[in-house]
PDB file of N, CA and C in Angstrom:
ATOM      1  N   UNK A   1     -40.307  71.254 -16.801  1.00  0.00           N
ATOM      2  CA  UNK A   1     -39.003  72.263 -16.662  1.00  0.00           C
ATOM      3  C   UNK A   1     -38.790  73.156 -17.700  1.00  0.00           C
ATOM      4  N   UNK A   2     -37.896  73.927 -17.645  1.00  0.00           N
ATOM      5  CA  UNK A   2     -37.923  75.143 -18.405  1.00  0.00           C
ATOM      6  C   UNK A   2     -37.316  74.975 -19.982  1.00  0.00           C
ATOM      7  N   UNK A   3     -36.762  73.630 -20.225  1.00  0.00           N
ATOM      8  CA  UNK A   3     -36.582  73.298 -21.568  1.00  0.00           C
ATOM      9  C   UNK A   3     -37.742  72.790 -22.138  1.00  0.00           C
ATOM     10  N   UNK A   4     -38.440  72.073 -20.851  1.00  0.00           N
ATOM     11  CA  UNK A   4     -39.611  71.237 -22.164  1.00  0.00           C
ATOM     12  C   UNK A   4     -40.760  72.269 -22.349  1.00  0.00           C
ATOM     13  N   UNK A   5     -40.960  73.468 -21.576  1.00  0.00           N
ATOM     14  CA  UNK A   5     -41.875  74.270 -21.801  1.00  0.00           C
ATOM     15  C   UNK A   5     -41.497  74.831 -22.887  1.00  0.00           C
ATOM     16  N   UNK A   6     -40.058  75.381 -22.947  1.00  0.00           N
ATOM     17  CA  UNK A   6     -39.691  76.484 -24.328  1.00  0.00           C
ATOM     18  C   UNK A   6     -39.719  75.404 -25.444  1.00  0.00           C
ATOM     19  N   UNK A   7     -39.621  73.897 -25.559  1.00  0.00           N
ATOM     20  CA  UNK A   7     -39.769  73.280 -26.547  1.00  0.00           C
ATOM     21  C   UNK A   7     -41.279  73.133 -27.165  1.00  0.00           C
ATOM     22  N   UNK A   8     -42.119  73.167 -25.989  1.00  0.00           N
ATOM     23  CA  UNK A   8     -43.295  72.973 -26.379  1.00  0.00           C
ATOM     24  C   UNK A   8     -44.056  74.422 -26.957  1.00  0.00           C
ATOM     25  N   UNK A   9     -43.556  75.313 -26.310  1.00  0.00           N
ATOM     26  CA  UNK A   9     -44.065  76.722 -26.858  1.00  0.00           C
ATOM     27  C   UNK A   9     -43.555  77.029 -29.017  1.00  0.00           C
ATOM     28  N   UNK A  10     -42.324  76.319 -28.688  1.00  0.00           N
ATOM     29  CA  UNK A  10     -41.649  76.831 -29.984  1.00  0.00           C
ATOM     30  C   UNK A  10     -42.094  75.899 -31.178  1.00  0.00           C
ATOM     31  N   UNK A  11     -42.775  74.373 -30.590  1.00  0.00           N
ATOM     32  CA  UNK A  11     -43.506  73.343 -31.227  1.00  0.00           C
ATOM     33  C   UNK A  11     -44.992  73.992 -31.843  1.00  0.00           C
ATOM     34  N   UNK A  12     -45.875  74.435 -30.805  1.00  0.00           N
ATOM     35  CA  UNK A  12     -47.005  74.764 -31.036  1.00  0.00           C
ATOM     36  C   UNK A  12     -46.754  76.220 -31.937  1.00  0.00           C
ATOM     37  N   UNK A  13     -45.989  77.273 -31.518  1.00  0.00           N
ATOM     38  CA  UNK A  13     -45.815  78.329 -32.790  1.00  0.00           C
ATOM     39  C   UNK A  13     -45.388  77.944 -33.698  1.00  0.00           C
ATOM     40  N   UNK A  14     -44.458  76.841 -33.975  1.00  0.00           N
ATOM     41  CA  UNK A  14     -44.075  76.544 -35.292  1.00  0.00           C
ATOM     42  C   UNK A  14     -45.264  75.955 -36.134  1.00  0.00           C
ATOM     43  N   UNK A  15     -46.070  75.001 -35.789  1.00  0.00           N
ATOM     44  CA  UNK A  15     -47.485  74.482 -36.047  1.00  0.00           C
ATOM     45  C   UNK A  15     -48.091  75.449 -36.539  1.00  0.00           C
ATOM     46  N   UNK A  16     -48.416  76.244 -35.507  1.00  0.00           N
ATOM     47  CA  UNK A  16     -49.576  77.147 -36.143  1.00  0.00           C
ATOM     48  C   UNK A  16     -49.457  78.065 -37.140  1.00  0.00           C
ATOM     49  N   UNK A  17     -48.121  78.269 -37.135  1.00  0.00           N
ATOM     50  CA  UNK A  17     -47.520  79.408 -38.469  1.00  0.00           C
ATOM     51  C   UNK A  17     -47.807  78.737 -39.646  1.00  0.00           C
ATOM     52  N   UNK A  18     -47.494  77.097 -39.547  1.00  0.00           N
ATOM     53  CA  UNK A  18     -47.911  76.540 -40.919  1.00  0.00           C
ATOM     54  C   UNK A  18     -49.203  75.905 -40.896  1.00  0.00           C
ATOM     55  N   UNK A  19     -50.140  76.436 -40.028  1.00  0.00           N
ATOM     56  CA  UNK A  19     -51.697  76.031 -40.286  1.00  0.00           C
ATOM     57  C   UNK A  19     -51.766  74.341 -39.867  1.00  0.00           C
ATOM     58  N   UNK A  20     -51.208  73.911 -39.072  1.00  0.00           N
ATOM     59  CA  UNK A  20     -51.013  72.572 -38.555  1.00  0.00           C
ATOM     60  C   UNK A  20     -51.488  72.386 -37.487  1.00  0.00           C
ATOM     61  N   UNK A  21     -52.797  71.473 -36.814  1.00  0.00           N
ATOM     62  CA  UNK A  21     -53.043  71.135 -35.835  1.00  0.00           C
ATOM     63  C   UNK A  21     -51.963  70.716 -34.804  1.00  0.00           C
ATOM     64  N   UNK A  22     -52.178  70.716 -33.461  1.00  0.00           N
ATOM     65  CA  UNK A  22     -51.194  70.008 -32.409  1.00  0.00           C
ATOM     66  C   UNK A  22     -52.153  69.393 -31.514  1.00  0.00           C
ATOM     67  N   UNK A  23     -51.655  68.256 -31.213  1.00  0.00           N
ATOM     68  CA  UNK A  23     -52.255  67.569 -30.309  1.00  0.00           C
ATOM     69  C   UNK A  23     -50.996  67.171 -29.219  1.00  0.00           C
ATOM     70  N   UNK A  24     -51.532  67.336 -27.955  1.00  0.00           N
ATOM     71  CA  UNK A  24     -50.396  67.283 -27.156  1.00  0.00           C
ATOM     72  C   UNK A  24     -50.354  65.712 -26.741  1.00  0.00           C
ATOM     73  N   UNK A  25     -49.385  65.234 -26.198  1.00  0.00           N
ATOM     74  CA  UNK A  25     -49.675  63.614 -25.640  1.00  0.00           C
ATOM     75  C   UNK A  25     -49.248  63.436 -24.404  1.00  0.00           C
ATOM     76  N   UNK A  26     -49.509  62.631 -23.897  1.00  0.00           N
ATOM     77  CA  UNK A  26     -49.022  62.342 -22.334  1.00  0.00           C
ATOM     78  C   UNK A  26     -49.718  63.039 -21.047  1.00  0.00           C
ATOM     79  N   UNK A  27     -50.654  63.715 -21.508  1.00  0.00           N
ATOM     80  CA  UNK A  27     -51.150  64.682 -20.723  1.00  0.00           C
ATOM     81  C   UNK A  27     -51.874  63.883 -19.274  1.00  0.00           C
ATOM     82  N   UNK A  28     -51.114  63.943 -18.133  1.00  0.00           N
ATOM     83  CA  UNK A  28     -51.423  63.307 -16.780  1.00  0.00           C
ATOM     84  C   UNK A  28     -51.972  64.423 -15.882  1.00  0.00           C
ATOM     85  N   UNK A  29     -51.618  65.679 -15.926  1.00  0.00           N
ATOM     86  CA  UNK A  29     -51.880  66.525 -14.819  1.00  0.00           C
ATOM     87  C   UNK A  29     -52.865  67.642 -15.330  1.00  0.00           C
ATOM     88  N   UNK A  30     -53.349  68.414 -14.656  1.00  0.00           N
ATOM     89  CA  UNK A  30     -54.159  69.491 -14.825  1.00  0.00           C
ATOM     90  C   UNK A  30     -53.345  70.665 -15.311  1.00  0.00           C
ATOM     91  N   UNK A  31     -52.413  71.013 -14.546  1.00  0.00           N
ATOM     92  CA  UNK A  31     -51.386  72.014 -14.715  1.00  0.00           C
ATOM     93  C   UNK A  31     -50.666  71.868 -16.259  1.00  0.00           C
ATOM     94  N   UNK A  32     -50.743  70.489 -16.623  1.00  0.00           N
ATOM     95  CA  UNK A  32     -49.990  70.402 -18.300  1.00  0.00           C
ATOM     96  C   UNK A  32     -51.060  71.073 -18.912  1.00  0.00           C
ATOM     97  N   UNK A  33     -52.579  70.505 -19.183  1.00  0.00           N
ATOM     98  CA  UNK A  33     -53.515  71.015 -19.547  1.00  0.00           C
ATOM     99  C   UNK A  33     -53.615  72.483 -19.883  1.00  0.00           C
ATOM    100  N   UNK A  34     -53.676  73.415 -18.824  1.00  0.00           N
ATOM    101  CA  UNK A  34     -53.908  74.627 -18.389  1.00  0.00           C
ATOM    102  C   UNK A  34     -52.305  75.164 -19.276  1.00  0.00           C
ATOM    103  N   UNK A  35     -51.319  74.836 -19.053  1.00  0.00           N
ATOM    104  CA  UNK A  35     -49.951  75.194 -19.511  1.00  0.00           C
ATOM    105  C   UNK A  35     -50.313  75.367 -21.168  1.00  0.00           C
ATOM    106  N   UNK A  36     -50.317  74.198 -21.396  1.00  0.00           N
ATOM    107  CA  UNK A  36     -50.831  74.230 -23.019  1.00  0.00           C
ATOM    108  C   UNK A  36     -51.820  74.554 -23.704  1.00  0.00           C
ATOM    109  N   UNK A  37     -52.966  74.936 -23.098  1.00  0.00           N
ATOM    110  CA  UNK A  37     -54.259  75.859 -23.429  1.00  0.00           C
ATOM    111  C   UNK A  37     -53.397  77.283 -23.455  1.00  0.00           C
ATOM    112  N   UNK A  38     -53.028  77.806 -22.775  1.00  0.00           N
ATOM    113  CA  UNK A  38     -52.327  79.263 -22.547  1.00  0.00           C
ATOM    114  C   UNK A  38     -51.515  79.067 -23.575  1.00  0.00           C
ATOM    115  N   UNK A  39     -50.918  78.405 -24.462  1.00  0.00           N
ATOM    116  CA  UNK A  39     -49.654  78.470 -25.322  1.00  0.00           C
ATOM    117  C   UNK A  39     -50.569  78.355 -26.822  1.00  0.00           C
ATOM    118  N   UNK A  40     -52.065  77.948 -26.538  1.00  0.00           N
ATOM    119  CA  UNK A  40     -52.908  77.798 -28.013  1.00  0.00           C
ATOM    120  C   UNK A  40     -52.983  76.362 -28.192  1.00  0.00           C
ATOM    121  N   UNK A  41     -52.396  75.662 -27.456  1.00  0.00           N
ATOM    122  CA  UNK A  41     -52.591  74.077 -27.992  1.00  0.00           C
ATOM    123  C   UNK A  41     -54.074  73.520 -27.370  1.00  0.00           C
ATOM    124  N   UNK A  42     -54.923  73.381 -28.246  1.00  0.00           N
ATOM    125  CA  UNK A  42     -56.434  73.107 -28.163  1.00  0.00           C
ATOM    126  C   UNK A  42     -56.898  71.347 -27.977  1.00  0.00           C
ATOM    127  N   UNK A  43     -56.057  70.566 -28.499  1.00  0.00           N
ATOM    128  CA  UNK A  43     -56.305  69.288 -28.545  1.00  0.00           C
ATOM    129  C   UNK A  43     -55.189  68.457 -27.809  1.00  0.00           C
ATOM    130  N   UNK A  44     -55.984  67.535 -27.190  1.00  0.00           N
ATOM    131  CA  UNK A  44     -54.724  66.671 -25.974  1.00  0.00           C
ATOM    132  C   UNK A  44     -55.164  65.180 -26.194  1.00  0.00           C
ATOM    133  N   UNK A  45     -53.997  64.240 -25.652  1.00  0.00           N
ATOM    134  CA  UNK A  45     -54.652  62.905 -25.171  1.00  0.00           C
ATOM    135  C   UNK A  45     -53.916  62.485 -24.146  1.00  0.00           C
ATOM    136  N   UNK A  46     -54.389  61.693 -23.142  1.00  0.00           N
ATOM    137  CA  UNK A  46     -53.490  61.127 -22.085  1.00  0.00           C
ATOM    138  C   UNK A  46     -54.457  60.498 -21.064  1.00  0.00           C
ATOM    139  N   UNK A  47     -53.769  59.935 -20.066  1.00  0.00           N
ATOM    140  CA  UNK A  47     -54.622  59.218 -19.013  1.00  0.00           C
ATOM    141  C   UNK A  47     -55.553  60.366 -17.979  1.00  0.00           C
ATOM    142  N   UNK A  48     -55.198  61.605 -17.998  1.00  0.00           N
ATOM    143  CA  UNK A  48     -55.707  62.755 -17.698  1.00  0.00           C
ATOM    144  C   UNK A  48     -57.464  62.691 -18.321  1.00  0.00           C
ATOM    145  N   UNK A  49     -57.315  62.748 -19.517  1.00  0.00           N
ATOM    146  CA  UNK A  49     -58.691  62.841 -20.272  1.00  0.00           C
ATOM    147  C   UNK A  49     -59.451  61.535 -20.075  1.00  0.00           C
ATOM    148  N   UNK A  50     -58.664  60.337 -20.437  1.00  0.00           N
ATOM    149  CA  UNK A  50     -59.523  58.998 -20.713  1.00  0.00           C
ATOM    150  C   UNK A  50     -58.339  58.061 -20.658  1.00  0.00           C
ATOM    151  N   UNK A  51     -58.700  56.811 -20.200  1.00  0.00           N
ATOM    152  CA  UNK A  51     -57.687  55.528 -20.220  1.00  0.00           C
ATOM    153  C   UNK A  51     -57.991  54.778 -21.319  1.00  0.00           C
ATOM    154  N   UNK A  52     -56.930  54.155 -21.767  1.00  0.00           N
ATOM    155  CA  UNK A  52     -57.021  53.292 -23.269  1.00  0.00           C
ATOM    156  C   UNK A  52     -58.182  52.343 -22.704  1.00  0.00           C
ATOM    157  N   UNK A  53     -59.118  52.100 -23.896  1.00  0.00           N
ATOM    158  CA  UNK A  53     -60.203  50.986 -23.995  1.00  0.00           C
ATOM    159  C   UNK A  53     -60.361  50.122 -25.052  1.00  0.00           C
ATOM    160  N   UNK A  54     -60.788  49.172 -25.037  1.00  0.00           N
ATOM    161  CA  UNK A  54     -61.062  48.412 -26.394  1.00  0.00           C
ATOM    162  C   UNK A  54     -62.193  49.193 -27.136  1.00  0.00           C
ATOM    163  N   UNK A  55     -62.179  48.770 -28.351  1.00  0.00           N
ATOM    164  CA  UNK A  55     -63.656  49.243 -28.988  1.00  0.00           C
ATOM    165  C   UNK A  55     -64.731  49.191 -28.582  1.00  0.00           C
ATOM    166  N   UNK A  56     -65.306  48.030 -28.185  1.00  0.00           N
ATOM    167  CA  UNK A  56     -66.563  47.724 -27.352  1.00  0.00           C
ATOM    168  C   UNK A  56     -66.781  48.761 -26.322  1.00  0.00           C
ATOM    169  N   UNK A  57     -65.798  48.613 -25.386  1.00  0.00           N
ATOM    170  CA  UNK A  57     -65.815  49.771 -24.106  1.00  0.00           C
ATOM    171  C   UNK A  57     -65.860  51.414 -24.807  1.00  0.00           C
ATOM    172  N   UNK A  58     -65.255  51.441 -25.662  1.00  0.00           N
ATOM    173  CA  UNK A  58     -65.219  52.862 -26.062  1.00  0.00           C
ATOM    174  C   UNK A  58     -66.966  53.240 -26.580  1.00  0.00           C
ATOM    175  N   UNK A  59     -67.256  52.549 -27.627  1.00  0.00           N
ATOM    176  CA  UNK A  59     -68.374  52.637 -28.067  1.00  0.00           C
ATOM    177  C   UNK A  59     -69.379  52.847 -27.071  1.00  0.00           C
ATOM    178  N   UNK A  60     -69.316  51.779 -26.095  1.00  0.00           N
ATOM    179  CA  UNK A  60     -70.526  52.039 -24.913  1.00  0.00           C
ATOM    180  C   UNK A  60     -70.571  53.084 -24.125  1.00  0.00           C
ATOM    181  N   UNK A  61     -69.326  53.931 -24.035  1.00  0.00           N
ATOM    182  CA  UNK A  61     -69.423  54.985 -23.177  1.00  0.00           C
ATOM    183  C   UNK A  61     -69.661  56.029 -24.230  1.00  0.00           C
ATOM    184  N   UNK A  62     -69.465  55.765 -25.488  1.00  0.00           N
ATOM    185  CA  UNK A  62     -69.827  57.126 -26.322  1.00  0.00           C
ATOM    186  C   UNK A  62     -71.394  57.121 -26.328  1.00  0.00           C
ATOM    187  N   UNK A  63     -71.792  56.135 -26.324  1.00  0.00           N
ATOM    188  CA  UNK A  63     -73.623  55.435 -26.320  1.00  0.00           C
ATOM    189  C   UNK A  63     -73.831  56.392 -24.995  1.00  0.00           C
ATOM    190  N   UNK A  64     -73.147  56.176 -23.803  1.00  0.00           N
ATOM    191  CA  UNK A  64     -73.586  56.742 -22.425  1.00  0.00           C
ATOM    192  C   UNK A  64     -73.754  57.998 -22.512  1.00  0.00           C
ATOM    193  N   UNK A  65     -72.693  58.559 -23.259  1.00  0.00           N
ATOM    194  CA  UNK A  65     -72.190  60.124 -23.607  1.00  0.00           C
ATOM    195  C   UNK A  65     -73.578  60.824 -24.271  1.00  0.00           C
ATOM    196  N   UNK A  66     -73.917  60.120 -25.448  1.00  0.00           N
ATOM    197  CA  UNK A  66     -74.751  60.796 -26.352  1.00  0.00           C
ATOM    198  C   UNK A  66     -76.368  60.810 -25.539  1.00  0.00           C
ATOM    199  N   UNK A  67     -76.276  59.796 -24.962  1.00  0.00           N
ATOM    200  CA  UNK A  67     -77.579  59.773 -23.905  1.00  0.00           C
ATOM    201  C   UNK A  67     -78.064  60.489 -22.858  1.00  0.00           C
ATOM    202  N   UNK A  68     -76.684  60.983 -22.436  1.00  0.00           N
ATOM    203  CA  UNK A  68     -76.645  62.023 -21.143  1.00  0.00           C
ATOM    204  C   UNK A  68     -77.063  63.427 -21.966  1.00  0.00           C
ATOM    205  N   UNK A  69     -76.633  63.445 -22.699  1.00  0.00           N
ATOM    206  CA  UNK A  69     -76.711  65.212 -23.300  1.00  0.00           C
ATOM    207  C   UNK A  69     -78.087  65.191 -23.994  1.00  0.00           C
TER     208      UNK A  69
END
């Protein structure tokens, strides 16, 4: 909504003015990612980007990704 968008914009601008990295949390929809990217937020986490995994599953996933590159 409008208030959430204004708050996100203000937080991102403040963080950038203080040279602090911003990590958006709770990303679940592609539109959220696009909007935050437009605001200059380059880091994020959430179910859209990856579901929680235990350390062994994560390690295997990273190994597979490295082998594919």
